[in-house]
Amino acid sequence: MEKVCVHFAEGFEEIEAITIVDILRRAEIDVKMVSITKSKIVTGAHKIKITTDLLFEEVNYDEVSMIILPGGMPGSKNLKEHVGLNEKIKEFYKKGKKLGAICAAPMVYGGLGILKGEKATSYPGFEVYLDGATIVNEEVVTSNKIITSQGPGTAIKFALKIVSDLKGEKLANSIKEGMIVK
């Protein structure tokens, strides 16, 4: 079974983070909400508090098949500044494991140099942080093992693309239909 970790930093974008977790759980993917703070309770950009499943230090990343970063500000900046998470992202990239980021969060991957030669998208205005990427103005972009997306309004499509990649297009379409996503 695929195991996915969605990382929460203070100031995360609530719609993106919860939409991703919700849809992946509908697909029966083992998804864990991971706090990169010292507390399992993390406050989003719009002051919504979420209780995560684990602290960063509690995760066994050898068992994880994908790292996902929701956007938001200052959430994306806080993700970018977390040394341990950045080391895990670089390790995942070197091993060819899947990575996902939405909104401003692709800037984390850009700052680590892992978007060089890849296609990527982000929240408008954050493209300047996608160092070396070929910028694509699409809602969801897949390039090798990296999936990026533009923002809160594209969160459902982003999450469905992750489901499609991990468990197949048939299941993703079934969830899409059940949620009345056009």
N, C-alpha and C. Protein backbone atom coordinates (compact mmCIF):
# COMPACT_ATOMS: atom_id res chain seq x y z
N MET A 1 0.85 -1.19 0.00
CA MET A 1 0.00 0.00 0.00
C MET A 1 0.88 1.24 0.00
N GLU A 2 0.49 2.20 -0.83
CA GLU A 2 1.22 3.46 -0.90
C GLU A 2 1.02 4.25 0.39
N LYS A 3 2.10 4.86 0.87
CA LYS A 3 2.03 5.71 2.05
C LYS A 3 2.51 7.10 1.64
N VAL A 4 1.68 8.09 1.95
CA VAL A 4 1.93 9.47 1.54
C VAL A 4 1.95 10.35 2.78
N CYS A 5 2.84 11.34 2.79
CA CYS A 5 2.88 12.31 3.89
C CYS A 5 2.61 13.71 3.34
N VAL A 6 1.58 14.35 3.89
CA VAL A 6 1.27 15.75 3.58
C VAL A 6 1.82 16.57 4.74
N HIS A 7 2.69 17.53 4.43
CA HIS A 7 3.42 18.28 5.45
C HIS A 7 2.75 19.61 5.77
N PHE A 8 2.57 19.85 7.06
CA PHE A 8 1.90 21.05 7.55
C PHE A 8 2.89 21.96 8.26
N ALA A 9 2.93 23.23 7.82
CA ALA A 9 3.73 24.27 8.46
C ALA A 9 2.78 25.39 8.87
N GLU A 10 3.17 26.16 9.86
CA GLU A 10 2.36 27.31 10.25
C GLU A 10 2.11 28.17 9.01
N GLY A 11 0.83 28.51 8.77
CA GLY A 11 0.47 29.34 7.63
C GLY A 11 0.17 28.56 6.37
N PHE A 12 -0.11 27.25 6.49
CA PHE A 12 -0.46 26.44 5.32
C PHE A 12 -1.81 26.88 4.76
N GLU A 13 -2.04 26.59 3.49
CA GLU A 13 -3.32 26.89 2.84
C GLU A 13 -4.29 25.75 3.16
N GLU A 14 -5.31 26.06 3.93
CA GLU A 14 -6.23 25.05 4.44
C GLU A 14 -6.96 24.27 3.35
N ILE A 15 -7.49 24.96 2.35
CA ILE A 15 -8.24 24.27 1.30
C ILE A 15 -7.36 23.22 0.63
N GLU A 16 -6.15 23.59 0.31
CA GLU A 16 -5.24 22.66 -0.38
C GLU A 16 -4.92 21.46 0.49
N ALA A 17 -4.49 21.71 1.70
CA ALA A 17 -4.06 20.61 2.57
C ALA A 17 -5.18 19.63 2.86
N ILE A 18 -6.33 20.12 3.25
CA ILE A 18 -7.43 19.23 3.62
C ILE A 18 -8.04 18.55 2.41
N THR A 19 -8.10 19.24 1.28
CA THR A 19 -8.61 18.61 0.06
C THR A 19 -7.74 17.42 -0.32
N ILE A 20 -6.44 17.60 -0.27
CA ILE A 20 -5.52 16.52 -0.63
C ILE A 20 -5.73 15.33 0.31
N VAL A 21 -5.72 15.58 1.61
CA VAL A 21 -5.89 14.50 2.58
C VAL A 21 -7.23 13.79 2.38
N ASP A 22 -8.29 14.56 2.23
CA ASP A 22 -9.63 14.00 2.06
C ASP A 22 -9.70 13.08 0.84
N ILE A 23 -9.25 13.56 -0.31
CA ILE A 23 -9.36 12.77 -1.53
C ILE A 23 -8.47 11.53 -1.49
N LEU A 24 -7.28 11.65 -0.94
CA LEU A 24 -6.40 10.48 -0.84
C LEU A 24 -6.99 9.44 0.10
N ARG A 25 -7.64 9.89 1.16
CA ARG A 25 -8.28 8.93 2.07
C ARG A 25 -9.51 8.28 1.42
N ARG A 26 -10.23 9.01 0.59
CA ARG A 26 -11.33 8.42 -0.16
C ARG A 26 -10.82 7.29 -1.06
N ALA A 27 -9.58 7.45 -1.53
CA ALA A 27 -8.95 6.44 -2.40
C ALA A 27 -8.30 5.32 -1.59
N GLU A 28 -8.46 5.38 -0.27
CA GLU A 28 -7.88 4.39 0.64
C GLU A 28 -6.36 4.34 0.54
N ILE A 29 -5.77 5.51 0.33
CA ILE A 29 -4.32 5.66 0.37
C ILE A 29 -3.96 5.98 1.81
N ASP A 30 -2.91 5.36 2.31
CA ASP A 30 -2.44 5.62 3.67
C ASP A 30 -1.75 6.98 3.68
N VAL A 31 -2.50 8.01 4.05
CA VAL A 31 -1.97 9.37 4.06
C VAL A 31 -1.86 9.86 5.50
N LYS A 32 -0.71 10.41 5.82
CA LYS A 32 -0.46 10.95 7.15
C LYS A 32 -0.26 12.46 7.04
N MET A 33 -0.89 13.18 7.96
CA MET A 33 -0.68 14.62 8.08
C MET A 33 0.50 14.78 9.04
N VAL A 34 1.54 15.46 8.56
CA VAL A 34 2.79 15.57 9.31
C VAL A 34 3.08 17.03 9.63
N SER A 35 3.23 17.33 10.91
CA SER A 35 3.60 18.68 11.34
C SER A 35 5.11 18.84 11.31
N ILE A 36 5.58 19.95 10.73
CA ILE A 36 7.01 20.24 10.80
C ILE A 36 7.31 21.18 11.97
N THR A 37 6.30 21.46 12.78
CA THR A 37 6.49 22.30 13.96
C THR A 37 6.75 21.38 15.15
N LYS A 38 6.82 21.94 16.32
CA LYS A 38 7.03 21.14 17.54
C LYS A 38 5.72 20.64 18.13
N SER A 39 4.59 20.95 17.46
CA SER A 39 3.27 20.58 17.96
C SER A 39 2.47 19.89 16.85
N LYS A 40 1.60 18.97 17.24
CA LYS A 40 0.72 18.35 16.26
C LYS A 40 -0.41 19.28 15.82
N ILE A 41 -0.62 20.35 16.57
CA ILE A 41 -1.64 21.35 16.20
C ILE A 41 -0.95 22.46 15.41
N VAL A 42 -1.41 22.64 14.17
CA VAL A 42 -0.80 23.61 13.27
C VAL A 42 -1.89 24.57 12.80
N THR A 43 -1.57 25.86 12.76
CA THR A 43 -2.54 26.89 12.37
C THR A 43 -2.32 27.30 10.92
N GLY A 44 -3.39 27.27 10.14
CA GLY A 44 -3.31 27.63 8.73
C GLY A 44 -3.30 29.12 8.50
N ALA A 45 -3.18 29.49 7.24
CA ALA A 45 -3.10 30.90 6.83
C ALA A 45 -4.36 31.68 7.20
N HIS A 46 -5.48 30.97 7.34
CA HIS A 46 -6.75 31.63 7.67
C HIS A 46 -7.21 31.29 9.08
N LYS A 47 -6.23 30.98 9.92
CA LYS A 47 -6.41 30.77 11.37
C LYS A 47 -7.22 29.52 11.72
N ILE A 48 -7.29 28.55 10.81
CA ILE A 48 -7.93 27.27 11.10
C ILE A 48 -6.87 26.34 11.66
N LYS A 49 -7.15 25.77 12.83
CA LYS A 49 -6.20 24.87 13.46
C LYS A 49 -6.50 23.42 13.06
N ILE A 50 -5.45 22.69 12.72
CA ILE A 50 -5.57 21.29 12.32
C ILE A 50 -4.69 20.47 13.25
N THR A 51 -5.21 19.34 13.70
CA THR A 51 -4.40 18.40 14.48
C THR A 51 -3.86 17.36 13.52
N THR A 52 -2.55 17.32 13.38
CA THR A 52 -1.90 16.38 12.46
C THR A 52 -1.77 15.00 13.12
N ASP A 53 -1.40 14.02 12.32
CA ASP A 53 -1.23 12.66 12.81
C ASP A 53 0.12 12.46 13.49
N LEU A 54 1.15 13.10 12.93
CA LEU A 54 2.52 12.86 13.38
C LEU A 54 3.33 14.14 13.37
N LEU A 55 4.40 14.13 14.16
CA LEU A 55 5.42 15.16 14.06
C LEU A 55 6.45 14.67 13.04
N PHE A 56 7.15 15.58 12.41
CA PHE A 56 8.16 15.24 11.40
C PHE A 56 9.13 14.17 11.93
N GLU A 57 9.56 14.34 13.16
CA GLU A 57 10.56 13.44 13.75
C GLU A 57 10.02 12.02 13.97
N GLU A 58 8.72 11.84 13.92
CA GLU A 58 8.11 10.52 14.15
C GLU A 58 7.94 9.69 12.87
N VAL A 59 8.20 10.29 11.71
CA VAL A 59 7.96 9.61 10.44
C VAL A 59 9.14 8.74 10.04
N ASN A 60 8.85 7.52 9.62
CA ASN A 60 9.86 6.64 9.03
C ASN A 60 9.74 6.82 7.51
N TYR A 61 10.57 7.67 6.95
CA TYR A 61 10.46 8.00 5.53
C TYR A 61 10.85 6.84 4.62
N ASP A 62 11.47 5.81 5.14
CA ASP A 62 11.75 4.62 4.33
C ASP A 62 10.46 3.94 3.90
N GLU A 63 9.38 4.15 4.68
CA GLU A 63 8.08 3.53 4.38
C GLU A 63 7.17 4.44 3.55
N VAL A 64 7.64 5.65 3.25
CA VAL A 64 6.82 6.66 2.56
C VAL A 64 7.14 6.64 1.07
N SER A 65 6.09 6.67 0.24
CA SER A 65 6.30 6.64 -1.21
C SER A 65 6.16 8.02 -1.86
N MET A 66 5.59 9.00 -1.14
CA MET A 66 5.42 10.34 -1.71
C MET A 66 5.38 11.40 -0.63
N ILE A 67 6.06 12.50 -0.90
CA ILE A 67 6.01 13.70 -0.05
C ILE A 67 5.17 14.74 -0.77
N ILE A 68 4.20 15.33 -0.06
CA ILE A 68 3.34 16.37 -0.63
C ILE A 68 3.43 17.63 0.23
N LEU A 69 3.51 18.76 -0.46
CA LEU A 69 3.59 20.06 0.20
C LEU A 69 2.41 20.94 -0.21
N PRO A 70 1.50 21.25 0.73
CA PRO A 70 0.47 22.24 0.42
C PRO A 70 1.12 23.62 0.44
N GLY A 71 0.49 24.56 -0.23
CA GLY A 71 1.04 25.91 -0.30
C GLY A 71 0.55 26.80 0.81
N GLY A 72 0.33 28.05 0.45
CA GLY A 72 -0.05 29.06 1.43
C GLY A 72 1.17 29.83 1.90
N MET A 73 0.90 31.00 2.43
CA MET A 73 1.97 31.82 2.98
C MET A 73 1.57 32.27 4.37
N PRO A 74 2.45 32.18 5.32
CA PRO A 74 3.87 31.86 5.18
C PRO A 74 4.18 30.36 5.21
N GLY A 75 3.18 29.50 5.03
CA GLY A 75 3.41 28.06 5.10
C GLY A 75 4.51 27.56 4.18
N SER A 76 4.48 28.00 2.92
CA SER A 76 5.49 27.55 1.96
C SER A 76 6.88 28.01 2.36
N LYS A 77 6.97 29.23 2.84
CA LYS A 77 8.26 29.75 3.32
C LYS A 77 8.76 28.91 4.50
N ASN A 78 7.86 28.54 5.39
CA ASN A 78 8.24 27.73 6.54
C ASN A 78 8.68 26.33 6.12
N LEU A 79 8.02 25.75 5.12
CA LEU A 79 8.45 24.45 4.59
C LEU A 79 9.86 24.57 4.00
N LYS A 80 10.09 25.66 3.27
CA LYS A 80 11.38 25.90 2.60
C LYS A 80 12.53 26.03 3.62
N GLU A 81 12.21 26.49 4.82
CA GLU A 81 13.24 26.72 5.83
C GLU A 81 13.48 25.51 6.74
N HIS A 82 12.71 24.43 6.57
CA HIS A 82 12.87 23.25 7.44
C HIS A 82 13.97 22.35 6.87
N VAL A 83 15.10 22.34 7.53
CA VAL A 83 16.28 21.61 7.05
C VAL A 83 16.00 20.11 6.90
N GLY A 84 15.39 19.51 7.89
CA GLY A 84 15.12 18.07 7.84
C GLY A 84 14.22 17.69 6.68
N LEU A 85 13.16 18.44 6.46
CA LEU A 85 12.25 18.17 5.35
C LEU A 85 12.98 18.32 4.02
N ASN A 86 13.78 19.36 3.90
CA ASN A 86 14.53 19.57 2.66
C ASN A 86 15.48 18.42 2.36
N GLU A 87 16.09 17.88 3.39
CA GLU A 87 16.98 16.72 3.20
C GLU A 87 16.19 15.52 2.70
N LYS A 88 15.01 15.30 3.26
CA LYS A 88 14.16 14.18 2.83
C LYS A 88 13.70 14.37 1.38
N ILE A 89 13.36 15.59 1.01
CA ILE A 89 12.93 15.88 -0.36
C ILE A 89 14.07 15.56 -1.32
N LYS A 90 15.28 16.00 -1.02
CA LYS A 90 16.43 15.72 -1.90
C LYS A 90 16.68 14.22 -1.99
N GLU A 91 16.55 13.53 -0.87
CA GLU A 91 16.71 12.07 -0.85
C GLU A 91 15.65 11.40 -1.74
N PHE A 92 14.39 11.82 -1.62
CA PHE A 92 13.31 11.27 -2.44
C PHE A 92 13.61 11.50 -3.92
N TYR A 93 14.04 12.70 -4.25
CA TYR A 93 14.33 13.03 -5.65
C TYR A 93 15.44 12.12 -6.19
N LYS A 94 16.51 11.96 -5.44
CA LYS A 94 17.63 11.11 -5.87
C LYS A 94 17.20 9.66 -6.05
N LYS A 95 16.26 9.19 -5.23
CA LYS A 95 15.79 7.81 -5.31
C LYS A 95 14.68 7.63 -6.35
N GLY A 96 14.22 8.72 -6.97
CA GLY A 96 13.15 8.64 -7.96
C GLY A 96 11.78 8.43 -7.35
N LYS A 97 11.62 8.82 -6.08
CA LYS A 97 10.32 8.72 -5.42
C LYS A 97 9.47 9.94 -5.78
N LYS A 98 8.17 9.82 -5.63
CA LYS A 98 7.23 10.86 -6.03
C LYS A 98 7.24 12.06 -5.08
N LEU A 99 7.05 13.24 -5.68
CA LEU A 99 6.96 14.50 -4.96
C LEU A 99 5.77 15.29 -5.51
N GLY A 100 5.07 16.00 -4.64
CA GLY A 100 3.98 16.85 -5.07
C GLY A 100 4.00 18.17 -4.31
N ALA A 101 3.63 19.24 -5.00
CA ALA A 101 3.55 20.55 -4.35
C ALA A 101 2.54 21.41 -5.09
N ILE A 102 1.83 22.24 -4.35
CA ILE A 102 0.78 23.07 -4.92
C ILE A 102 0.93 24.52 -4.44
N CYS A 103 0.47 25.45 -5.27
CA CYS A 103 0.41 26.86 -4.93
C CYS A 103 1.81 27.47 -4.87
N ALA A 104 2.20 28.01 -3.73
CA ALA A 104 3.54 28.57 -3.58
C ALA A 104 4.58 27.50 -3.24
N ALA A 105 4.14 26.33 -2.80
CA ALA A 105 5.06 25.30 -2.32
C ALA A 105 6.04 24.75 -3.37
N PRO A 106 5.76 24.78 -4.69
CA PRO A 106 6.80 24.34 -5.62
C PRO A 106 8.09 25.14 -5.49
N MET A 107 8.02 26.32 -4.84
CA MET A 107 9.24 27.10 -4.61
C MET A 107 10.24 26.32 -3.75
N VAL A 108 9.76 25.41 -2.92
CA VAL A 108 10.66 24.58 -2.11
C VAL A 108 11.51 23.72 -3.04
N TYR A 109 10.87 23.07 -4.00
CA TYR A 109 11.59 22.22 -4.95
C TYR A 109 12.52 23.06 -5.82
N GLY A 110 12.06 24.24 -6.25
CA GLY A 110 12.90 25.13 -7.05
C GLY A 110 14.15 25.54 -6.29
N GLY A 111 13.98 25.87 -5.02
CA GLY A 111 15.12 26.27 -4.19
C GLY A 111 16.13 25.16 -3.96
N LEU A 112 15.66 23.92 -4.05
CA LEU A 112 16.56 22.76 -3.88
C LEU A 112 17.20 22.34 -5.20
N GLY A 113 16.83 23.00 -6.29
CA GLY A 113 17.42 22.69 -7.59
C GLY A 113 16.86 21.45 -8.26
N ILE A 114 15.77 20.90 -7.74
CA ILE A 114 15.27 19.64 -8.31
C ILE A 114 14.26 19.85 -9.44
N LEU A 115 13.99 21.11 -9.79
CA LEU A 115 13.08 21.37 -10.91
C LEU A 115 13.85 21.65 -12.20
N LYS A 116 15.19 21.64 -12.14
CA LYS A 116 15.98 21.87 -13.34
C LYS A 116 15.64 20.83 -14.39
N GLY A 117 15.21 21.31 -15.56
CA GLY A 117 14.85 20.42 -16.65
C GLY A 117 13.47 19.80 -16.54
N GLU A 118 12.73 20.14 -15.50
CA GLU A 118 11.37 19.61 -15.31
C GLU A 118 10.34 20.66 -15.71
N LYS A 119 9.15 20.22 -16.07
CA LYS A 119 8.02 21.12 -16.27
C LYS A 119 7.36 21.32 -14.92
N ALA A 120 6.90 22.54 -14.66
CA ALA A 120 6.25 22.82 -13.37
C ALA A 120 5.33 24.03 -13.49
N THR A 121 4.42 24.12 -12.52
CA THR A 121 3.54 25.27 -12.39
C THR A 121 3.48 25.66 -10.93
N SER A 122 2.90 26.82 -10.66
CA SER A 122 2.77 27.31 -9.29
C SER A 122 1.71 28.40 -9.25
N TYR A 123 1.49 28.93 -8.06
CA TYR A 123 0.60 30.08 -7.92
C TYR A 123 1.20 31.23 -8.74
N PRO A 124 0.36 31.98 -9.48
CA PRO A 124 0.88 33.08 -10.29
C PRO A 124 1.75 34.04 -9.47
N GLY A 125 2.90 34.34 -10.01
CA GLY A 125 3.86 35.22 -9.35
C GLY A 125 4.98 34.46 -8.66
N PHE A 126 4.79 33.17 -8.42
CA PHE A 126 5.82 32.38 -7.75
C PHE A 126 6.69 31.61 -8.75
N GLU A 127 6.42 31.77 -10.03
CA GLU A 127 7.22 31.09 -11.04
C GLU A 127 8.70 31.45 -10.94
N VAL A 128 9.00 32.66 -10.48
CA VAL A 128 10.39 33.11 -10.37
C VAL A 128 11.20 32.25 -9.40
N TYR A 129 10.53 31.50 -8.54
CA TYR A 129 11.21 30.65 -7.56
C TYR A 129 11.40 29.21 -8.05
N LEU A 130 10.94 28.91 -9.27
CA LEU A 130 11.02 27.56 -9.80
C LEU A 130 12.30 27.41 -10.63
N ASP A 131 13.43 27.62 -9.99
CA ASP A 131 14.74 27.66 -10.65
C ASP A 131 14.96 26.49 -11.60
N GLY A 132 15.20 26.83 -12.87
CA GLY A 132 15.54 25.83 -13.87
C GLY A 132 14.36 25.10 -14.49
N ALA A 133 13.15 25.36 -14.04
CA ALA A 133 11.98 24.66 -14.55
C ALA A 133 11.48 25.30 -15.85
N THR A 134 10.85 24.49 -16.66
CA THR A 134 10.08 25.00 -17.79
C THR A 134 8.69 25.28 -17.24
N ILE A 135 8.31 26.54 -17.19
CA ILE A 135 7.04 26.95 -16.60
C ILE A 135 5.90 26.63 -17.56
N VAL A 136 4.90 25.95 -17.04
CA VAL A 136 3.72 25.57 -17.82
C VAL A 136 2.50 26.18 -17.13
N ASN A 137 1.72 26.95 -17.88
CA ASN A 137 0.53 27.59 -17.32
C ASN A 137 -0.66 26.64 -17.43
N GLU A 138 -0.63 25.59 -16.63
CA GLU A 138 -1.72 24.62 -16.56
C GLU A 138 -2.05 24.39 -15.09
N GLU A 139 -3.27 23.90 -14.83
CA GLU A 139 -3.71 23.71 -13.45
C GLU A 139 -2.89 22.67 -12.70
N VAL A 140 -2.56 21.56 -13.37
CA VAL A 140 -1.77 20.48 -12.78
C VAL A 140 -0.75 20.05 -13.82
N VAL A 141 0.50 19.93 -13.40
CA VAL A 141 1.59 19.55 -14.30
C VAL A 141 2.35 18.38 -13.69
N THR A 142 2.55 17.34 -14.51
CA THR A 142 3.36 16.20 -14.09
C THR A 142 4.61 16.17 -14.94
N SER A 143 5.76 16.04 -14.29
CA SER A 143 7.03 15.94 -14.97
C SER A 143 7.86 14.89 -14.25
N ASN A 144 8.01 13.74 -14.90
CA ASN A 144 8.66 12.60 -14.28
C ASN A 144 7.94 12.25 -12.98
N LYS A 145 8.59 12.34 -11.85
CA LYS A 145 7.98 11.94 -10.57
C LYS A 145 7.47 13.13 -9.76
N ILE A 146 7.40 14.33 -10.39
CA ILE A 146 7.01 15.54 -9.67
C ILE A 146 5.68 16.06 -10.22
N ILE A 147 4.71 16.27 -9.30
CA ILE A 147 3.42 16.85 -9.68
C ILE A 147 3.30 18.21 -9.00
N THR A 148 2.99 19.23 -9.79
CA THR A 148 2.80 20.57 -9.24
C THR A 148 1.43 21.09 -9.68
N SER A 149 0.92 22.06 -8.92
CA SER A 149 -0.40 22.62 -9.22
C SER A 149 -0.44 24.08 -8.79
N GLN A 150 -1.47 24.80 -9.25
CA GLN A 150 -1.49 26.25 -9.12
C GLN A 150 -2.06 26.84 -7.83
N GLY A 151 -3.03 26.22 -7.18
CA GLY A 151 -3.56 26.87 -5.99
C GLY A 151 -4.84 26.27 -5.47
N PRO A 152 -5.50 26.95 -4.54
CA PRO A 152 -6.69 26.41 -3.89
C PRO A 152 -7.75 25.90 -4.87
N GLY A 153 -7.98 26.62 -5.95
CA GLY A 153 -9.00 26.24 -6.91
C GLY A 153 -8.64 25.01 -7.74
N THR A 154 -7.39 24.59 -7.69
CA THR A 154 -6.95 23.41 -8.44
C THR A 154 -6.65 22.23 -7.52
N ALA A 155 -6.94 22.36 -6.26
CA ALA A 155 -6.58 21.32 -5.27
C ALA A 155 -7.26 19.99 -5.55
N ILE A 156 -8.52 20.01 -5.98
CA ILE A 156 -9.21 18.74 -6.27
C ILE A 156 -8.54 18.04 -7.44
N LYS A 157 -8.26 18.77 -8.51
CA LYS A 157 -7.60 18.17 -9.68
C LYS A 157 -6.21 17.65 -9.33
N PHE A 158 -5.49 18.39 -8.51
CA PHE A 158 -4.16 17.98 -8.04
C PHE A 158 -4.26 16.66 -7.28
N ALA A 159 -5.18 16.59 -6.32
CA ALA A 159 -5.34 15.38 -5.51
C ALA A 159 -5.78 14.20 -6.38
N LEU A 160 -6.68 14.43 -7.32
CA LEU A 160 -7.12 13.36 -8.21
C LEU A 160 -5.99 12.86 -9.09
N LYS A 161 -5.08 13.75 -9.50
CA LYS A 161 -3.92 13.33 -10.29
C LYS A 161 -3.01 12.43 -9.45
N ILE A 162 -2.87 12.76 -8.18
CA ILE A 162 -2.07 11.92 -7.28
C ILE A 162 -2.71 10.54 -7.15
N VAL A 163 -4.03 10.51 -6.98
CA VAL A 163 -4.75 9.22 -6.90
C VAL A 163 -4.52 8.43 -8.19
N SER A 164 -4.65 9.08 -9.32
CA SER A 164 -4.46 8.42 -10.61
C SER A 164 -3.06 7.82 -10.72
N ASP A 165 -2.06 8.58 -10.30
CA ASP A 165 -0.68 8.10 -10.37
C ASP A 165 -0.42 6.94 -9.41
N LEU A 166 -1.02 6.99 -8.23
CA LEU A 166 -0.75 5.97 -7.22
C LEU A 166 -1.63 4.73 -7.34
N LYS A 167 -2.90 4.94 -7.75
CA LYS A 167 -3.84 3.80 -7.73
C LYS A 167 -4.64 3.62 -9.02
N GLY A 168 -4.35 4.44 -10.01
CA GLY A 168 -4.98 4.26 -11.30
C GLY A 168 -6.07 5.27 -11.63
N GLU A 169 -6.21 5.48 -12.93
CA GLU A 169 -7.17 6.47 -13.43
C GLU A 169 -8.62 6.05 -13.18
N LYS A 170 -8.89 4.75 -13.19
CA LYS A 170 -10.26 4.27 -12.96
C LYS A 170 -10.76 4.71 -11.59
N LEU A 171 -9.94 4.53 -10.55
CA LEU A 171 -10.33 4.95 -9.21
C LEU A 171 -10.45 6.47 -9.12
N ALA A 172 -9.50 7.18 -9.72
CA ALA A 172 -9.55 8.65 -9.71
C ALA A 172 -10.85 9.13 -10.36
N ASN A 173 -11.23 8.53 -11.48
CA ASN A 173 -12.47 8.91 -12.16
C ASN A 173 -13.70 8.60 -11.34
N SER A 174 -13.67 7.47 -10.63
CA SER A 174 -14.79 7.09 -9.76
C SER A 174 -14.97 8.11 -8.63
N ILE A 175 -13.88 8.53 -8.02
CA ILE A 175 -13.94 9.53 -6.95
C ILE A 175 -14.42 10.87 -7.53
N LYS A 176 -13.88 11.22 -8.67
CA LYS A 176 -14.28 12.47 -9.35
C LYS A 176 -15.79 12.48 -9.61
N GLU A 177 -16.30 11.38 -10.12
CA GLU A 177 -17.72 11.28 -10.42
C GLU A 177 -18.55 11.36 -9.13
N GLY A 178 -18.12 10.66 -8.10
CA GLY A 178 -18.85 10.65 -6.84
C GLY A 178 -18.88 12.00 -6.16
N MET A 179 -17.86 12.82 -6.42
CA MET A 179 -17.80 14.16 -5.84
C MET A 179 -18.43 15.22 -6.75
N ILE A 180 -18.91 14.79 -7.92
CA ILE A 180 -19.51 15.67 -8.92
C ILE A 180 -18.51 16.76 -9.35
N VAL A 181 -17.29 16.33 -9.64
CA VAL A 181 -16.27 17.22 -10.16
C VAL A 181 -16.37 17.20 -11.68
N LYS A 182 -16.49 18.35 -12.27
CA LYS A 182 -16.65 18.46 -13.74
C LYS A 182 -15.31 18.55 -14.43
